[in-house]
Amino acid sequence: LCPSAGLQLGPNGRTCIDIDECSTGRAVCSFNRRCVNTFGSYYC
């Protein structure tokens, strides 16, 4: 398991790696805000 939706299982199926929501386009920020990636999440 990974403790956050912003983390995904790595290739080995045991460790969790960060998903960069800012570069994958999963983040939703309004036009006058920019996305900042954090480990396991992001903020605008």
All heavy atoms as atom14 arrays in JSON, in Angstrom:
{
  "sequence": "LCPSAGLQLGPNGRTCIDIDECSTGRAVCSFNRRCVNTFGSYYC",
  "atom14_mask": [
    [1, 1, 1, 1, 1, 1, 1, 1, 0, 0, 0, 0, 0, 0],
    [1, 1, 1, 1, 1, 1, 0, 0, 0, 0, 0, 0, 0, 0],
    [1, 1, 1, 1, 1, 1, 1, 0, 0, 0, 0, 0, 0, 0],
    [1, 1, 1, 1, 1, 1, 0, 0, 0, 0, 0, 0, 0, 0],
    [1, 1, 1, 1, 1, 0, 0, 0, 0, 0, 0, 0, 0, 0],
    [1, 1, 1, 1, 0, 0, 0, 0, 0, 0, 0, 0, 0, 0],
    [1, 1, 1, 1, 1, 1, 1, 1, 0, 0, 0, 0, 0, 0],
    [1, 1, 1, 1, 1, 1, 1, 1, 1, 0, 0, 0, 0, 0],
    [1, 1, 1, 1, 1, 1, 1, 1, 0, 0, 0, 0, 0, 0],
    [1, 1, 1, 1, 0, 0, 0, 0, 0, 0, 0, 0, 0, 0],
    [1, 1, 1, 1, 1, 1, 1, 0, 0, 0, 0, 0, 0, 0],
    [1, 1, 1, 1, 1, 1, 1, 1, 0, 0, 0, 0, 0, 0],
    [1, 1, 1, 1, 0, 0, 0, 0, 0, 0, 0, 0, 0, 0],
    [1, 1, 1, 1, 1, 1, 1, 1, 1, 1, 1, 0, 0, 0],
    [1, 1, 1, 1, 1, 1, 1, 0, 0, 0, 0, 0, 0, 0],
    [1, 1, 1, 1, 1, 1, 0, 0, 0, 0, 0, 0, 0, 0],
    [1, 1, 1, 1, 1, 1, 1, 1, 0, 0, 0, 0, 0, 0],
    [1, 1, 1, 1, 1, 1, 1, 1, 0, 0, 0, 0, 0, 0],
    [1, 1, 1, 1, 1, 1, 1, 1, 0, 0, 0, 0, 0, 0],
    [1, 1, 1, 1, 1, 1, 1, 1, 0, 0, 0, 0, 0, 0],
    [1, 1, 1, 1, 1, 1, 1, 1, 1, 0, 0, 0, 0, 0],
    [1, 1, 1, 1, 1, 1, 0, 0, 0, 0, 0, 0, 0, 0],
    [1, 1, 1, 1, 1, 1, 0, 0, 0, 0, 0, 0, 0, 0],
    [1, 1, 1, 1, 1, 1, 1, 0, 0, 0, 0, 0, 0, 0],
    [1, 1, 1, 1, 0, 0, 0, 0, 0, 0, 0, 0, 0, 0],
    [1, 1, 1, 1, 1, 1, 1, 1, 1, 1, 1, 0, 0, 0],
    [1, 1, 1, 1, 1, 0, 0, 0, 0, 0, 0, 0, 0, 0],
    [1, 1, 1, 1, 1, 1, 1, 0, 0, 0, 0, 0, 0, 0],
    [1, 1, 1, 1, 1, 1, 0, 0, 0, 0, 0, 0, 0, 0],
    [1, 1, 1, 1, 1, 1, 0, 0, 0, 0, 0, 0, 0, 0],
    [1, 1, 1, 1, 1, 1, 1, 1, 1, 1, 1, 0, 0, 0],
    [1, 1, 1, 1, 1, 1, 1, 1, 0, 0, 0, 0, 0, 0],
    [1, 1, 1, 1, 1, 1, 1, 1, 1, 1, 1, 0, 0, 0],
    [1, 1, 1, 1, 1, 1, 1, 1, 1, 1, 1, 0, 0, 0],
    [1, 1, 1, 1, 1, 1, 0, 0, 0, 0, 0, 0, 0, 0],
    [1, 1, 1, 1, 1, 1, 1, 0, 0, 0, 0, 0, 0, 0],
    [1, 1, 1, 1, 1, 1, 1, 1, 0, 0, 0, 0, 0, 0],
    [1, 1, 1, 1, 1, 1, 1, 0, 0, 0, 0, 0, 0, 0],
    [1, 1, 1, 1, 1, 1, 1, 1, 1, 1, 1, 0, 0, 0],
    [1, 1, 1, 1, 0, 0, 0, 0, 0, 0, 0, 0, 0, 0],
    [1, 1, 1, 1, 1, 1, 0, 0, 0, 0, 0, 0, 0, 0],
    [1, 1, 1, 1, 1, 1, 1, 1, 1, 1, 1, 1, 0, 0],
    [1, 1, 1, 1, 1, 1, 1, 1, 1, 1, 1, 1, 0, 0],
    [1, 1, 1, 1, 1, 1, 0, 0, 0, 0, 0, 0, 0, 0]
  ],
  "atom14_positions": [
    [[0.83, -1.21, 0.0], [0.0, 0.0, 0.0], [0.86, 1.26, 0.0], [1.97, 1.25, 0.52], [-0.88, 0.04, 1.26], [-1.96, -1.02, 1.41], [-2.56, -0.9, 2.81], [-3.04, -0.84, 0.36], [0.0, 0.0, 0.0], [0.0, 0.0, 0.0], [0.0, 0.0, 0.0], [0.0, 0.0, 0.0], [0.0, 0.0, 0.0], [0.0, 0.0, 0.0]],
    [[0.3, 2.35, -0.56], [0.91, 3.67, -0.43], [-0.05, 4.54, 0.37], [-1.26, 4.49, 0.14], [1.16, 4.28, -1.81], [2.5, 3.46, -2.69], [0.0, 0.0, 0.0], [0.0, 0.0, 0.0], [0.0, 0.0, 0.0], [0.0, 0.0, 0.0], [0.0, 0.0, 0.0], [0.0, 0.0, 0.0], [0.0, 0.0, 0.0], [0.0, 0.0, 0.0]],
    [[0.47, 5.36, 1.32], [-0.42, 6.1, 2.22], [-1.1, 7.32, 1.61], [-1.83, 8.01, 2.28], [0.52, 6.51, 3.36], [1.86, 6.55, 2.74], [1.87, 5.51, 1.67], [0.0, 0.0, 0.0], [0.0, 0.0, 0.0], [0.0, 0.0, 0.0], [0.0, 0.0, 0.0], [0.0, 0.0, 0.0], [0.0, 0.0, 0.0], [0.0, 0.0, 0.0]],
    [[-0.86, 7.62, 0.34], [-1.46, 8.8, -0.27], [-1.71, 8.56, -1.75], [-0.98, 7.82, -2.4], [-0.51, 9.99, -0.07], [-0.71, 10.98, -1.05], [0.0, 0.0, 0.0], [0.0, 0.0, 0.0], [0.0, 0.0, 0.0], [0.0, 0.0, 0.0], [0.0, 0.0, 0.0], [0.0, 0.0, 0.0], [0.0, 0.0, 0.0], [0.0, 0.0, 0.0]],
    [[-2.77, 9.21, -2.28], [-3.1, 9.08, -3.7], [-2.02, 9.73, -4.58], [-1.95, 9.46, -5.78], [-4.45, 9.73, -3.98], [0.0, 0.0, 0.0], [0.0, 0.0, 0.0], [0.0, 0.0, 0.0], [0.0, 0.0, 0.0], [0.0, 0.0, 0.0], [0.0, 0.0, 0.0], [0.0, 0.0, 0.0], [0.0, 0.0, 0.0], [0.0, 0.0, 0.0]],
    [[-1.18, 10.56, -3.99], [-0.09, 11.22, -4.72], [1.18, 10.38, -4.76], [2.23, 10.84, -5.2], [0.0, 0.0, 0.0], [0.0, 0.0, 0.0], [0.0, 0.0, 0.0], [0.0, 0.0, 0.0], [0.0, 0.0, 0.0], [0.0, 0.0, 0.0], [0.0, 0.0, 0.0], [0.0, 0.0, 0.0], [0.0, 0.0, 0.0], [0.0, 0.0, 0.0]],
    [[1.07, 9.14, -4.28], [2.2, 8.2, -4.32], [1.76, 6.98, -5.1], [0.59, 6.61, -5.08], [2.62, 7.78, -2.91], [3.13, 8.85, -1.96], [3.32, 8.28, -0.56], [4.45, 9.43, -2.44], [0.0, 0.0, 0.0], [0.0, 0.0, 0.0], [0.0, 0.0, 0.0], [0.0, 0.0, 0.0], [0.0, 0.0, 0.0], [0.0, 0.0, 0.0]],
    [[2.68, 6.34, -5.8], [2.34, 5.1, -6.51], [3.42, 4.06, -6.22], [4.55, 4.4, -5.89], [2.23, 5.37, -8.01], [3.52, 5.81, -8.66], [3.35, 6.21, -10.11], [2.24, 6.37, -10.58], [4.46, 6.38, -10.8], [0.0, 0.0, 0.0], [0.0, 0.0, 0.0], [0.0, 0.0, 0.0], [0.0, 0.0, 0.0], [0.0, 0.0, 0.0]],
    [[3.03, 2.8, -6.35], [4.0, 1.72, -6.13], [5.08, 1.79, -7.19], [4.78, 1.98, -8.38], [3.3, 0.36, -6.18], [2.6, -0.08, -4.9], [1.87, -1.38, -5.12], [3.58, -0.21, -3.74], [0.0, 0.0, 0.0], [0.0, 0.0, 0.0], [0.0, 0.0, 0.0], [0.0, 0.0, 0.0], [0.0, 0.0, 0.0], [0.0, 0.0, 0.0]],
    [[6.32, 1.65, -6.76], [7.45, 1.66, -7.68], [7.52, 0.36, -8.47], [6.74, -0.57, -8.23], [0.0, 0.0, 0.0], [0.0, 0.0, 0.0], [0.0, 0.0, 0.0], [0.0, 0.0, 0.0], [0.0, 0.0, 0.0], [0.0, 0.0, 0.0], [0.0, 0.0, 0.0], [0.0, 0.0, 0.0], [0.0, 0.0, 0.0], [0.0, 0.0, 0.0]],
    [[8.48, 0.28, -9.41], [8.61, -0.92, -10.25], [8.75, -2.22, -9.46], [8.33, -3.27, -9.92], [9.86, -0.64, -11.08], [10.08, 0.82, -11.0], [9.51, 1.28, -9.71], [0.0, 0.0, 0.0], [0.0, 0.0, 0.0], [0.0, 0.0, 0.0], [0.0, 0.0, 0.0], [0.0, 0.0, 0.0], [0.0, 0.0, 0.0], [0.0, 0.0, 0.0]],
    [[9.33, -2.13, -8.24], [9.52, -3.36, -7.45], [8.25, -3.8, -6.73], [8.22, -4.86, -6.11], [10.68, -3.16, -6.45], [10.4, -2.08, -5.41], [9.29, -1.56, -5.31], [11.41, -1.73, -4.66], [0.0, 0.0, 0.0], [0.0, 0.0, 0.0], [0.0, 0.0, 0.0], [0.0, 0.0, 0.0], [0.0, 0.0, 0.0], [0.0, 0.0, 0.0]],
    [[7.19, -2.98, -6.78], [5.92, -3.33, -6.14], [5.94, -3.27, -4.63], [5.0, -3.69, -3.97], [0.0, 0.0, 0.0], [0.0, 0.0, 0.0], [0.0, 0.0, 0.0], [0.0, 0.0, 0.0], [0.0, 0.0, 0.0], [0.0, 0.0, 0.0], [0.0, 0.0, 0.0], [0.0, 0.0, 0.0], [0.0, 0.0, 0.0], [0.0, 0.0, 0.0]],
    [[7.02, -2.73, -4.04], [7.14, -2.68, -2.58], [7.32, -1.27, -2.03], [6.85, -0.96, -0.95], [8.33, -3.54, -2.13], [8.15, -5.03, -2.38], [9.15, -5.87, -1.62], [10.53, -5.47, -1.81], [11.33, -5.94, -2.77], [10.88, -6.83, -3.63], [12.58, -5.53, -2.87], [0.0, 0.0, 0.0], [0.0, 0.0, 0.0], [0.0, 0.0, 0.0]],
    [[8.05, -0.42, -2.78], [8.29, 0.95, -2.31], [7.37, 1.92, -3.04], [6.91, 1.64, -4.14], [9.77, 1.37, -2.51], [10.08, 1.18, -3.89], [10.7, 0.56, -1.66], [0.0, 0.0, 0.0], [0.0, 0.0, 0.0], [0.0, 0.0, 0.0], [0.0, 0.0, 0.0], [0.0, 0.0, 0.0], [0.0, 0.0, 0.0], [0.0, 0.0, 0.0]],
    [[7.12, 3.06, -2.41], [6.24, 4.07, -3.0], [7.05, 5.23, -3.55], [7.99, 5.71, -2.9], [5.28, 4.6, -1.93], [4.13, 3.34, -1.35], [0.0, 0.0, 0.0], [0.0, 0.0, 0.0], [0.0, 0.0, 0.0], [0.0, 0.0, 0.0], [0.0, 0.0, 0.0], [0.0, 0.0, 0.0], [0.0, 0.0, 0.0], [0.0, 0.0, 0.0]],
    [[6.71, 5.67, -4.76], [7.39, 6.81, -5.37], [6.39, 7.94, -5.6], [5.19, 7.7, -5.77], [8.12, 6.43, -6.69], [7.17, 5.72, -7.66], [9.35, 5.58, -6.41], [7.78, 5.46, -9.03], [0.0, 0.0, 0.0], [0.0, 0.0, 0.0], [0.0, 0.0, 0.0], [0.0, 0.0, 0.0], [0.0, 0.0, 0.0], [0.0, 0.0, 0.0]],
    [[6.89, 9.16, -5.57], [6.04, 10.34, -5.71], [5.52, 10.49, -7.13], [6.23, 10.24, -8.1], [6.86, 11.59, -5.33], [6.06, 12.88, -5.46], [4.95, 12.93, -4.92], [6.55, 13.82, -6.12], [0.0, 0.0, 0.0], [0.0, 0.0, 0.0], [0.0, 0.0, 0.0], [0.0, 0.0, 0.0], [0.0, 0.0, 0.0], [0.0, 0.0, 0.0]],
    [[4.25, 10.91, -7.24], [3.68, 11.27, -8.54], [3.76, 12.79, -8.62], [3.27, 13.48, -7.71], [2.19, 10.84, -8.64], [2.05, 9.31, -8.55], [1.55, 11.36, -9.92], [0.61, 8.84, -8.34], [0.0, 0.0, 0.0], [0.0, 0.0, 0.0], [0.0, 0.0, 0.0], [0.0, 0.0, 0.0], [0.0, 0.0, 0.0], [0.0, 0.0, 0.0]],
    [[4.39, 13.32, -9.66], [4.47, 14.77, -9.83], [3.18, 15.24, -10.52], [3.07, 15.22, -11.74], [5.7, 15.16, -10.66], [5.91, 16.67, -10.73], [4.95, 17.41, -10.47], [7.03, 17.1, -11.05], [0.0, 0.0, 0.0], [0.0, 0.0, 0.0], [0.0, 0.0, 0.0], [0.0, 0.0, 0.0], [0.0, 0.0, 0.0], [0.0, 0.0, 0.0]],
    [[2.19, 15.64, -9.7], [0.89, 16.06, -10.25], [1.02, 17.27, -11.16], [0.21, 17.46, -12.07], [-0.1, 16.41, -9.12], [-0.54, 15.23, -8.29], [0.36, 14.96, -7.1], [1.46, 15.57, -7.0], [-0.01, 14.12, -6.27], [0.0, 0.0, 0.0], [0.0, 0.0, 0.0], [0.0, 0.0, 0.0], [0.0, 0.0, 0.0], [0.0, 0.0, 0.0]],
    [[2.04, 18.1, -10.92], [2.22, 19.32, -11.72], [2.61, 18.99, -13.15], [2.12, 19.61, -14.09], [3.27, 20.22, -11.08], [2.87, 20.68, -9.38], [0.0, 0.0, 0.0], [0.0, 0.0, 0.0], [0.0, 0.0, 0.0], [0.0, 0.0, 0.0], [0.0, 0.0, 0.0], [0.0, 0.0, 0.0], [0.0, 0.0, 0.0], [0.0, 0.0, 0.0]],
    [[3.5, 18.01, -13.35], [3.95, 17.7, -14.7], [3.04, 16.68, -15.4], [2.98, 16.65, -16.63], [5.4, 17.19, -14.69], [5.47, 15.97, -13.99], [0.0, 0.0, 0.0], [0.0, 0.0, 0.0], [0.0, 0.0, 0.0], [0.0, 0.0, 0.0], [0.0, 0.0, 0.0], [0.0, 0.0, 0.0], [0.0, 0.0, 0.0], [0.0, 0.0, 0.0]],
    [[2.28, 15.89, -14.63], [1.4, 14.89, -15.26], [0.04, 15.49, -15.63], [-0.75, 14.85, -16.31], [1.16, 13.66, -14.35], [0.6, 14.13, -13.12], [2.42, 12.9, -14.09], [0.0, 0.0, 0.0], [0.0, 0.0, 0.0], [0.0, 0.0, 0.0], [0.0, 0.0, 0.0], [0.0, 0.0, 0.0], [0.0, 0.0, 0.0], [0.0, 0.0, 0.0]],
    [[-0.23, 16.72, -15.15], [-1.5, 17.38, -15.47], [-2.65, 16.95, -14.57], [-3.79, 17.29, -14.81], [0.0, 0.0, 0.0], [0.0, 0.0, 0.0], [0.0, 0.0, 0.0], [0.0, 0.0, 0.0], [0.0, 0.0, 0.0], [0.0, 0.0, 0.0], [0.0, 0.0, 0.0], [0.0, 0.0, 0.0], [0.0, 0.0, 0.0], [0.0, 0.0, 0.0]],
    [[-2.35, 16.19, -13.5], [-3.4, 15.76, -12.57], [-3.81, 16.88, -11.62], [-4.89, 16.86, -11.05], [-2.92, 14.56, -11.75], [-3.07, 13.25, -12.51], [-2.39, 12.1, -11.83], [-2.94, 11.78, -10.51], [-2.67, 10.67, -9.85], [-1.88, 9.75, -10.4], [-3.18, 10.43, -8.67], [0.0, 0.0, 0.0], [0.0, 0.0, 0.0], [0.0, 0.0, 0.0]],
    [[-2.91, 17.87, -11.47], [-3.19, 18.99, -10.57], [-4.16, 19.96, -11.21], [-4.11, 20.19, -12.41], [-1.88, 19.71, -10.23], [0.0, 0.0, 0.0], [0.0, 0.0, 0.0], [0.0, 0.0, 0.0], [0.0, 0.0, 0.0], [0.0, 0.0, 0.0], [0.0, 0.0, 0.0], [0.0, 0.0, 0.0], [0.0, 0.0, 0.0], [0.0, 0.0, 0.0]],
    [[-5.05, 20.53, -10.39], [-5.98, 21.53, -10.89], [-5.74, 22.83, -10.12], [-6.04, 22.92, -8.94], [-7.45, 21.07, -10.71], [-8.42, 22.11, -11.26], [-7.68, 19.72, -11.37], [0.0, 0.0, 0.0], [0.0, 0.0, 0.0], [0.0, 0.0, 0.0], [0.0, 0.0, 0.0], [0.0, 0.0, 0.0], [0.0, 0.0, 0.0], [0.0, 0.0, 0.0]],
    [[-5.13, 23.81, -10.79], [-4.91, 25.13, -10.2], [-5.57, 26.16, -11.1], [-5.55, 26.01, -12.33], [-3.41, 25.43, -10.1], [-2.51, 24.38, -8.93], [0.0, 0.0, 0.0], [0.0, 0.0, 0.0], [0.0, 0.0, 0.0], [0.0, 0.0, 0.0], [0.0, 0.0, 0.0], [0.0, 0.0, 0.0], [0.0, 0.0, 0.0], [0.0, 0.0, 0.0]],
    [[-6.15, 27.21, -10.5], [-6.78, 28.25, -11.32], [-5.72, 29.04, -12.09], [-4.53, 28.95, -11.79], [-7.62, 29.17, -10.43], [-6.83, 29.74, -9.41], [0.0, 0.0, 0.0], [0.0, 0.0, 0.0], [0.0, 0.0, 0.0], [0.0, 0.0, 0.0], [0.0, 0.0, 0.0], [0.0, 0.0, 0.0], [0.0, 0.0, 0.0], [0.0, 0.0, 0.0]],
    [[-6.16, 29.83, -13.08], [-5.25, 30.49, -14.02], [-4.18, 31.35, -13.35], [-3.07, 31.44, -13.85], [-6.04, 31.33, -15.04], [-6.48, 32.68, -14.5], [-5.76, 33.82, -14.79], [-7.61, 32.8, -13.7], [-6.15, 35.05, -14.3], [-8.01, 34.03, -13.21], [-7.28, 35.16, -13.5], [0.0, 0.0, 0.0], [0.0, 0.0, 0.0], [0.0, 0.0, 0.0]],
    [[-4.5, 31.98, -12.2], [-3.52, 32.86, -11.57], [-2.71, 32.17, -10.47], [-2.07, 32.81, -9.67], [-4.2, 34.13, -11.03], [-5.36, 33.83, -10.09], [-5.62, 32.67, -9.77], [-6.05, 34.85, -9.64], [0.0, 0.0, 0.0], [0.0, 0.0, 0.0], [0.0, 0.0, 0.0], [0.0, 0.0, 0.0], [0.0, 0.0, 0.0], [0.0, 0.0, 0.0]],
    [[-2.76, 30.83, -10.48], [-1.96, 30.06, -9.5], [-1.08, 29.06, -10.21], [-1.43, 28.56, -11.26], [-2.89, 29.32, -8.52], [-3.67, 30.26, -7.65], [-4.62, 29.5, -6.75], [-5.49, 30.43, -6.04], [-5.55, 30.51, -4.71], [-4.82, 29.73, -3.97], [-6.34, 31.38, -4.14], [0.0, 0.0, 0.0], [0.0, 0.0, 0.0], [0.0, 0.0, 0.0]],
    [[0.08, 28.77, -9.61], [0.98, 27.78, -10.19], [1.08, 26.59, -9.25], [0.92, 26.72, -8.04], [2.35, 28.4, -10.48], [3.07, 28.96, -9.3], [4.23, 29.87, -9.71], [4.6, 30.76, -8.63], [5.71, 30.65, -7.91], [6.58, 29.7, -8.18], [5.99, 31.48, -6.95], [0.0, 0.0, 0.0], [0.0, 0.0, 0.0], [0.0, 0.0, 0.0]],
    [[1.35, 25.45, -9.84], [1.39, 24.2, -9.1], [2.78, 23.98, -8.49], [3.79, 24.2, -9.14], [1.06, 23.08, -10.09], [1.07, 21.45, -9.35], [0.0, 0.0, 0.0], [0.0, 0.0, 0.0], [0.0, 0.0, 0.0], [0.0, 0.0, 0.0], [0.0, 0.0, 0.0], [0.0, 0.0, 0.0], [0.0, 0.0, 0.0], [0.0, 0.0, 0.0]],
    [[2.8, 23.54, -7.23], [4.06, 23.19, -6.56], [3.92, 21.75, -6.08], [3.02, 21.42, -5.3], [4.34, 24.13, -5.36], [5.64, 23.75, -4.66], [4.38, 25.6, -5.8], [0.0, 0.0, 0.0], [0.0, 0.0, 0.0], [0.0, 0.0, 0.0], [0.0, 0.0, 0.0], [0.0, 0.0, 0.0], [0.0, 0.0, 0.0], [0.0, 0.0, 0.0]],
    [[4.78, 20.86, -6.57], [4.72, 19.45, -6.21], [5.32, 19.23, -4.82], [6.29, 19.86, -4.45], [5.49, 18.61, -7.24], [5.34, 17.12, -6.97], [4.24, 16.61, -6.84], [6.45, 16.43, -6.87], [0.0, 0.0, 0.0], [0.0, 0.0, 0.0], [0.0, 0.0, 0.0], [0.0, 0.0, 0.0], [0.0, 0.0, 0.0], [0.0, 0.0, 0.0]],
    [[4.69, 18.34, -4.03], [5.24, 17.94, -2.74], [5.26, 16.41, -2.72], [4.65, 15.78, -3.58], [4.37, 18.44, -1.56], [3.06, 17.86, -1.69], [4.25, 19.94, -1.53], [0.0, 0.0, 0.0], [0.0, 0.0, 0.0], [0.0, 0.0, 0.0], [0.0, 0.0, 0.0], [0.0, 0.0, 0.0], [0.0, 0.0, 0.0], [0.0, 0.0, 0.0]],
    [[5.92, 15.81, -1.75], [5.97, 14.35, -1.69], [4.58, 13.84, -1.33], [4.06, 14.11, -0.25], [7.0, 13.86, -0.66], [7.13, 12.36, -0.62], [7.78, 11.69, -1.64], [6.58, 11.62, 0.41], [7.89, 10.31, -1.62], [6.69, 10.24, 0.44], [7.35, 9.59, -0.58], [0.0, 0.0, 0.0], [0.0, 0.0, 0.0], [0.0, 0.0, 0.0]],
    [[3.94, 13.15, -2.25], [2.62, 12.58, -2.02], [1.45, 13.49, -2.32], [0.31, 13.09, -2.22], [0.0, 0.0, 0.0], [0.0, 0.0, 0.0], [0.0, 0.0, 0.0], [0.0, 0.0, 0.0], [0.0, 0.0, 0.0], [0.0, 0.0, 0.0], [0.0, 0.0, 0.0], [0.0, 0.0, 0.0], [0.0, 0.0, 0.0], [0.0, 0.0, 0.0]],
    [[1.74, 14.74, -2.69], [0.65, 15.67, -3.0], [1.16, 16.87, -3.79], [2.22, 16.81, -4.41], [-0.01, 16.12, -1.68], [-1.22, 16.8, -1.95], [0.0, 0.0, 0.0], [0.0, 0.0, 0.0], [0.0, 0.0, 0.0], [0.0, 0.0, 0.0], [0.0, 0.0, 0.0], [0.0, 0.0, 0.0], [0.0, 0.0, 0.0], [0.0, 0.0, 0.0]],
    [[0.4, 17.97, -3.77], [0.79, 19.23, -4.4], [-0.05, 20.35, -3.79], [-1.02, 20.1, -3.1], [0.55, 19.18, -5.92], [-0.91, 19.24, -6.33], [-1.51, 20.44, -6.67], [-1.7, 18.09, -6.34], [-2.86, 20.5, -7.01], [-3.05, 18.14, -6.69], [-3.62, 19.35, -7.02], [-4.95, 19.41, -7.35], [0.0, 0.0, 0.0], [0.0, 0.0, 0.0]],
    [[0.36, 21.6, -4.03], [-0.51, 22.72, -3.65], [-0.39, 23.81, -4.71], [0.52, 23.77, -5.55], [-0.17, 23.26, -2.25], [1.19, 23.89, -2.09], [1.36, 25.27, -2.17], [2.32, 23.11, -1.82], [2.61, 25.85, -2.0], [3.57, 23.68, -1.65], [3.71, 25.06, -1.74], [4.94, 25.63, -1.59], [0.0, 0.0, 0.0], [0.0, 0.0, 0.0]],
    [[-1.35, 24.72, -4.71], [-1.38, 25.79, -5.7], [-0.93, 27.09, -5.05], [-1.44, 27.48, -4.01], [-2.79, 25.96, -6.25], [-3.41, 24.48, -7.08], [0.0, 0.0, 0.0], [0.0, 0.0, 0.0], [0.0, 0.0, 0.0], [0.0, 0.0, 0.0], [0.0, 0.0, 0.0], [0.0, 0.0, 0.0], [0.0, 0.0, 0.0], [0.0, 0.0, 0.0]]
  ]
}
